[in-house]
Amino acid sequence: MAYAFARCMEAVSRMTPWDPFITRSVVLLLEETAASNARALKLLGYEPEVHWKDAVRAQLAEMQRDHVKGLRMARPIPVEAI
């Protein structure tokens, strides 16, 4: 359902001067995923030094400190790619 709505928003945005409210690429990023470092630990002995949530917080703080403007994530997926 979300992909259909996003596709509709992408189509409508071609006729408007603004970016779509949501795109299929953003829907993909928001999908629930379950990932762990168990395989990396088993195969490579890798353990992260920083929890991912702390890393995201640090990145956002750095962007705010450096006055980084909002990054555009809304890029419609070309119909040919589907």
N, C-alpha and C. Protein backbone atom coordinates (compact mmCIF):
# COMPACT_ATOMS: atom_id res chain seq x y z
N MET A 1 0.82 -1.19 0.00
CA MET A 1 0.00 0.00 0.00
C MET A 1 0.87 1.27 0.00
N ALA A 2 1.91 1.26 0.82
CA ALA A 2 2.78 2.44 0.90
C ALA A 2 3.50 2.67 -0.43
N TYR A 3 3.90 1.57 -1.09
CA TYR A 3 4.59 1.72 -2.38
C TYR A 3 3.64 2.31 -3.43
N ALA A 4 2.39 1.88 -3.42
CA ALA A 4 1.41 2.41 -4.38
C ALA A 4 1.18 3.90 -4.15
N PHE A 5 1.06 4.29 -2.89
CA PHE A 5 0.86 5.71 -2.56
C PHE A 5 2.08 6.52 -2.99
N ALA A 6 3.27 5.99 -2.71
CA ALA A 6 4.51 6.70 -3.08
C ALA A 6 4.62 6.84 -4.59
N ARG A 7 4.26 5.79 -5.31
CA ARG A 7 4.31 5.86 -6.77
C ARG A 7 3.36 6.94 -7.29
N CYS A 8 2.18 7.01 -6.68
CA CYS A 8 1.21 8.04 -7.05
C CYS A 8 1.78 9.43 -6.77
N MET A 9 2.41 9.60 -5.61
CA MET A 9 3.01 10.89 -5.26
C MET A 9 4.11 11.28 -6.24
N GLU A 10 4.91 10.29 -6.67
CA GLU A 10 5.96 10.55 -7.65
C GLU A 10 5.36 11.03 -8.96
N ALA A 11 4.27 10.38 -9.39
CA ALA A 11 3.62 10.76 -10.64
C ALA A 11 3.04 12.17 -10.55
N VAL A 12 2.38 12.47 -9.45
CA VAL A 12 1.79 13.80 -9.27
C VAL A 12 2.87 14.87 -9.22
N SER A 13 4.00 14.54 -8.62
CA SER A 13 5.07 15.55 -8.46
C SER A 13 5.64 16.00 -9.80
N ARG A 14 5.47 15.19 -10.84
CA ARG A 14 5.96 15.59 -12.17
C ARG A 14 5.18 16.79 -12.71
N MET A 15 3.98 16.99 -12.15
CA MET A 15 3.12 18.09 -12.61
C MET A 15 3.09 19.25 -11.61
N THR A 16 3.89 19.15 -10.56
CA THR A 16 3.90 20.20 -9.54
C THR A 16 5.32 20.73 -9.37
N PRO A 17 5.46 21.93 -8.82
CA PRO A 17 6.80 22.50 -8.66
C PRO A 17 7.55 21.99 -7.43
N TRP A 18 6.94 21.13 -6.63
CA TRP A 18 7.60 20.66 -5.41
C TRP A 18 7.92 19.18 -5.48
N ASP A 19 8.78 18.76 -4.57
CA ASP A 19 9.15 17.34 -4.48
C ASP A 19 7.99 16.53 -3.94
N PRO A 20 7.96 15.24 -4.25
CA PRO A 20 6.89 14.40 -3.71
C PRO A 20 7.00 14.30 -2.19
N PHE A 21 5.85 14.18 -1.54
CA PHE A 21 5.79 14.05 -0.09
C PHE A 21 6.54 12.79 0.35
N ILE A 22 6.40 11.73 -0.43
CA ILE A 22 7.09 10.47 -0.13
C ILE A 22 7.38 9.76 -1.44
N THR A 23 8.46 9.00 -1.46
CA THR A 23 8.83 8.24 -2.66
C THR A 23 9.03 6.78 -2.29
N ARG A 24 9.08 5.93 -3.30
CA ARG A 24 9.29 4.50 -3.04
C ARG A 24 10.64 4.25 -2.39
N SER A 25 11.64 5.06 -2.71
CA SER A 25 12.95 4.87 -2.08
C SER A 25 12.89 5.15 -0.59
N VAL A 26 12.09 6.12 -0.17
CA VAL A 26 11.94 6.41 1.26
C VAL A 26 11.16 5.29 1.93
N VAL A 27 10.13 4.77 1.27
CA VAL A 27 9.37 3.64 1.82
C VAL A 27 10.32 2.47 2.05
N LEU A 28 11.19 2.21 1.10
CA LEU A 28 12.15 1.12 1.24
C LEU A 28 13.04 1.32 2.47
N LEU A 29 13.51 2.55 2.68
CA LEU A 29 14.36 2.84 3.83
C LEU A 29 13.63 2.66 5.15
N LEU A 30 12.32 2.83 5.14
CA LEU A 30 11.54 2.75 6.37
C LEU A 30 11.04 1.34 6.68
N GLU A 31 11.29 0.39 5.78
CA GLU A 31 10.84 -0.98 6.04
C GLU A 31 11.53 -1.55 7.26
N GLU A 32 10.79 -2.39 7.97
CA GLU A 32 11.36 -3.06 9.14
C GLU A 32 12.41 -4.07 8.66
N THR A 33 13.53 -4.05 9.31
CA THR A 33 14.56 -5.03 9.02
C THR A 33 15.09 -5.57 10.33
N ALA A 34 15.56 -6.77 10.28
CA ALA A 34 16.16 -7.37 11.47
C ALA A 34 17.58 -7.76 11.10
N ALA A 35 18.51 -7.01 11.58
CA ALA A 35 19.91 -7.29 11.29
C ALA A 35 20.67 -7.34 12.60
N SER A 36 21.60 -8.26 12.65
CA SER A 36 22.44 -8.33 13.84
C SER A 36 23.88 -8.49 13.39
N ASN A 37 24.76 -8.31 14.31
CA ASN A 37 26.18 -8.47 14.01
C ASN A 37 26.67 -9.88 14.32
N ALA A 38 25.75 -10.80 14.58
CA ALA A 38 26.12 -12.16 14.97
C ALA A 38 26.99 -12.83 13.91
N ARG A 39 26.63 -12.69 12.64
CA ARG A 39 27.40 -13.35 11.58
C ARG A 39 28.79 -12.71 11.45
N ALA A 40 28.84 -11.38 11.53
CA ALA A 40 30.13 -10.69 11.46
C ALA A 40 31.02 -11.10 12.63
N LEU A 41 30.42 -11.27 13.79
CA LEU A 41 31.18 -11.71 14.96
C LEU A 41 31.70 -13.13 14.74
N LYS A 42 30.84 -14.00 14.24
CA LYS A 42 31.22 -15.41 14.04
C LYS A 42 32.29 -15.56 12.96
N LEU A 43 32.11 -14.90 11.82
CA LEU A 43 33.03 -15.07 10.70
C LEU A 43 34.29 -14.22 10.79
N LEU A 44 34.15 -13.00 11.30
CA LEU A 44 35.26 -12.05 11.27
C LEU A 44 35.77 -11.63 12.64
N GLY A 45 35.01 -12.00 13.66
CA GLY A 45 35.38 -11.54 14.99
C GLY A 45 35.09 -10.06 15.19
N TYR A 46 34.20 -9.52 14.36
CA TYR A 46 33.88 -8.08 14.41
C TYR A 46 32.84 -7.79 15.48
N GLU A 47 33.12 -6.80 16.28
CA GLU A 47 32.14 -6.27 17.22
C GLU A 47 32.18 -4.75 17.10
N PRO A 48 31.03 -4.11 16.90
CA PRO A 48 31.03 -2.65 16.76
C PRO A 48 31.49 -1.98 18.04
N GLU A 49 32.22 -0.89 17.87
CA GLU A 49 32.71 -0.13 19.03
C GLU A 49 31.66 0.86 19.52
N VAL A 50 30.75 1.26 18.63
CA VAL A 50 29.73 2.25 18.96
C VAL A 50 28.37 1.69 18.56
N HIS A 51 27.40 1.80 19.45
CA HIS A 51 26.04 1.35 19.12
C HIS A 51 25.52 2.22 17.98
N TRP A 52 24.77 1.63 17.07
CA TRP A 52 24.32 2.37 15.88
C TRP A 52 23.48 3.59 16.24
N LYS A 53 22.68 3.51 17.29
CA LYS A 53 21.87 4.68 17.68
C LYS A 53 22.76 5.83 18.13
N ASP A 54 23.83 5.50 18.86
CA ASP A 54 24.76 6.54 19.29
C ASP A 54 25.49 7.15 18.09
N ALA A 55 25.80 6.31 17.11
CA ALA A 55 26.48 6.80 15.90
C ALA A 55 25.57 7.76 15.13
N VAL A 56 24.28 7.43 15.03
CA VAL A 56 23.34 8.31 14.34
C VAL A 56 23.20 9.63 15.08
N ARG A 57 23.08 9.56 16.41
CA ARG A 57 22.99 10.79 17.20
C ARG A 57 24.23 11.67 17.00
N ALA A 58 25.40 11.05 17.00
CA ALA A 58 26.64 11.81 16.81
C ALA A 58 26.68 12.45 15.42
N GLN A 59 26.22 11.71 14.41
CA GLN A 59 26.20 12.25 13.05
C GLN A 59 25.26 13.44 12.95
N LEU A 60 24.07 13.32 13.55
CA LEU A 60 23.12 14.43 13.51
C LEU A 60 23.66 15.65 14.25
N ALA A 61 24.32 15.42 15.37
CA ALA A 61 24.92 16.54 16.12
C ALA A 61 26.00 17.22 15.30
N GLU A 62 26.81 16.43 14.60
CA GLU A 62 27.86 17.00 13.75
C GLU A 62 27.26 17.82 12.62
N MET A 63 26.20 17.30 12.00
CA MET A 63 25.55 18.03 10.92
C MET A 63 24.95 19.34 11.42
N GLN A 64 24.38 19.30 12.62
CA GLN A 64 23.81 20.53 13.19
C GLN A 64 24.92 21.52 13.51
N ARG A 65 26.01 21.03 14.07
CA ARG A 65 27.14 21.89 14.41
C ARG A 65 27.71 22.55 13.16
N ASP A 66 27.82 21.78 12.08
CA ASP A 66 28.41 22.29 10.84
C ASP A 66 27.38 22.98 9.94
N HIS A 67 26.17 23.13 10.44
CA HIS A 67 25.09 23.80 9.71
C HIS A 67 24.81 23.16 8.36
N VAL A 68 24.80 21.84 8.34
CA VAL A 68 24.48 21.12 7.10
C VAL A 68 22.97 21.23 6.88
N LYS A 69 22.59 21.68 5.71
CA LYS A 69 21.17 21.79 5.37
C LYS A 69 20.61 20.39 5.18
N GLY A 70 19.30 20.30 5.23
CA GLY A 70 18.64 19.01 5.03
C GLY A 70 19.07 18.36 3.72
N LEU A 71 19.33 17.10 3.78
CA LEU A 71 19.74 16.37 2.58
C LEU A 71 18.51 15.81 1.89
N ARG A 72 18.46 15.95 0.59
CA ARG A 72 17.33 15.42 -0.16
C ARG A 72 17.47 13.91 -0.27
N MET A 73 16.49 13.21 0.23
CA MET A 73 16.47 11.76 0.10
C MET A 73 15.42 11.32 -0.90
N ALA A 74 14.52 12.21 -1.24
CA ALA A 74 13.41 11.86 -2.12
C ALA A 74 13.86 11.91 -3.57
N ARG A 75 14.19 10.78 -4.09
CA ARG A 75 14.56 10.66 -5.49
C ARG A 75 13.69 9.55 -6.09
N PRO A 76 12.78 9.90 -6.98
CA PRO A 76 11.92 8.87 -7.55
C PRO A 76 12.73 7.79 -8.26
N ILE A 77 12.28 6.57 -8.14
CA ILE A 77 12.90 5.45 -8.83
C ILE A 77 12.36 5.45 -10.26
N PRO A 78 13.24 5.43 -11.27
CA PRO A 78 12.75 5.41 -12.66
C PRO A 78 11.86 4.19 -12.90
N VAL A 79 10.78 4.39 -13.63
CA VAL A 79 9.85 3.31 -13.92
C VAL A 79 10.56 2.16 -14.63
N GLU A 80 11.55 2.48 -15.45
CA GLU A 80 12.28 1.45 -16.20
C GLU A 80 13.03 0.51 -15.26
N ALA A 81 13.35 0.96 -14.06
CA ALA A 81 14.13 0.16 -13.13
C ALA A 81 13.28 -0.87 -12.40
N ILE A 82 11.98 -0.80 -12.60
CA ILE A 82 11.08 -1.70 -11.86
C ILE A 82 10.74 -2.91 -12.69
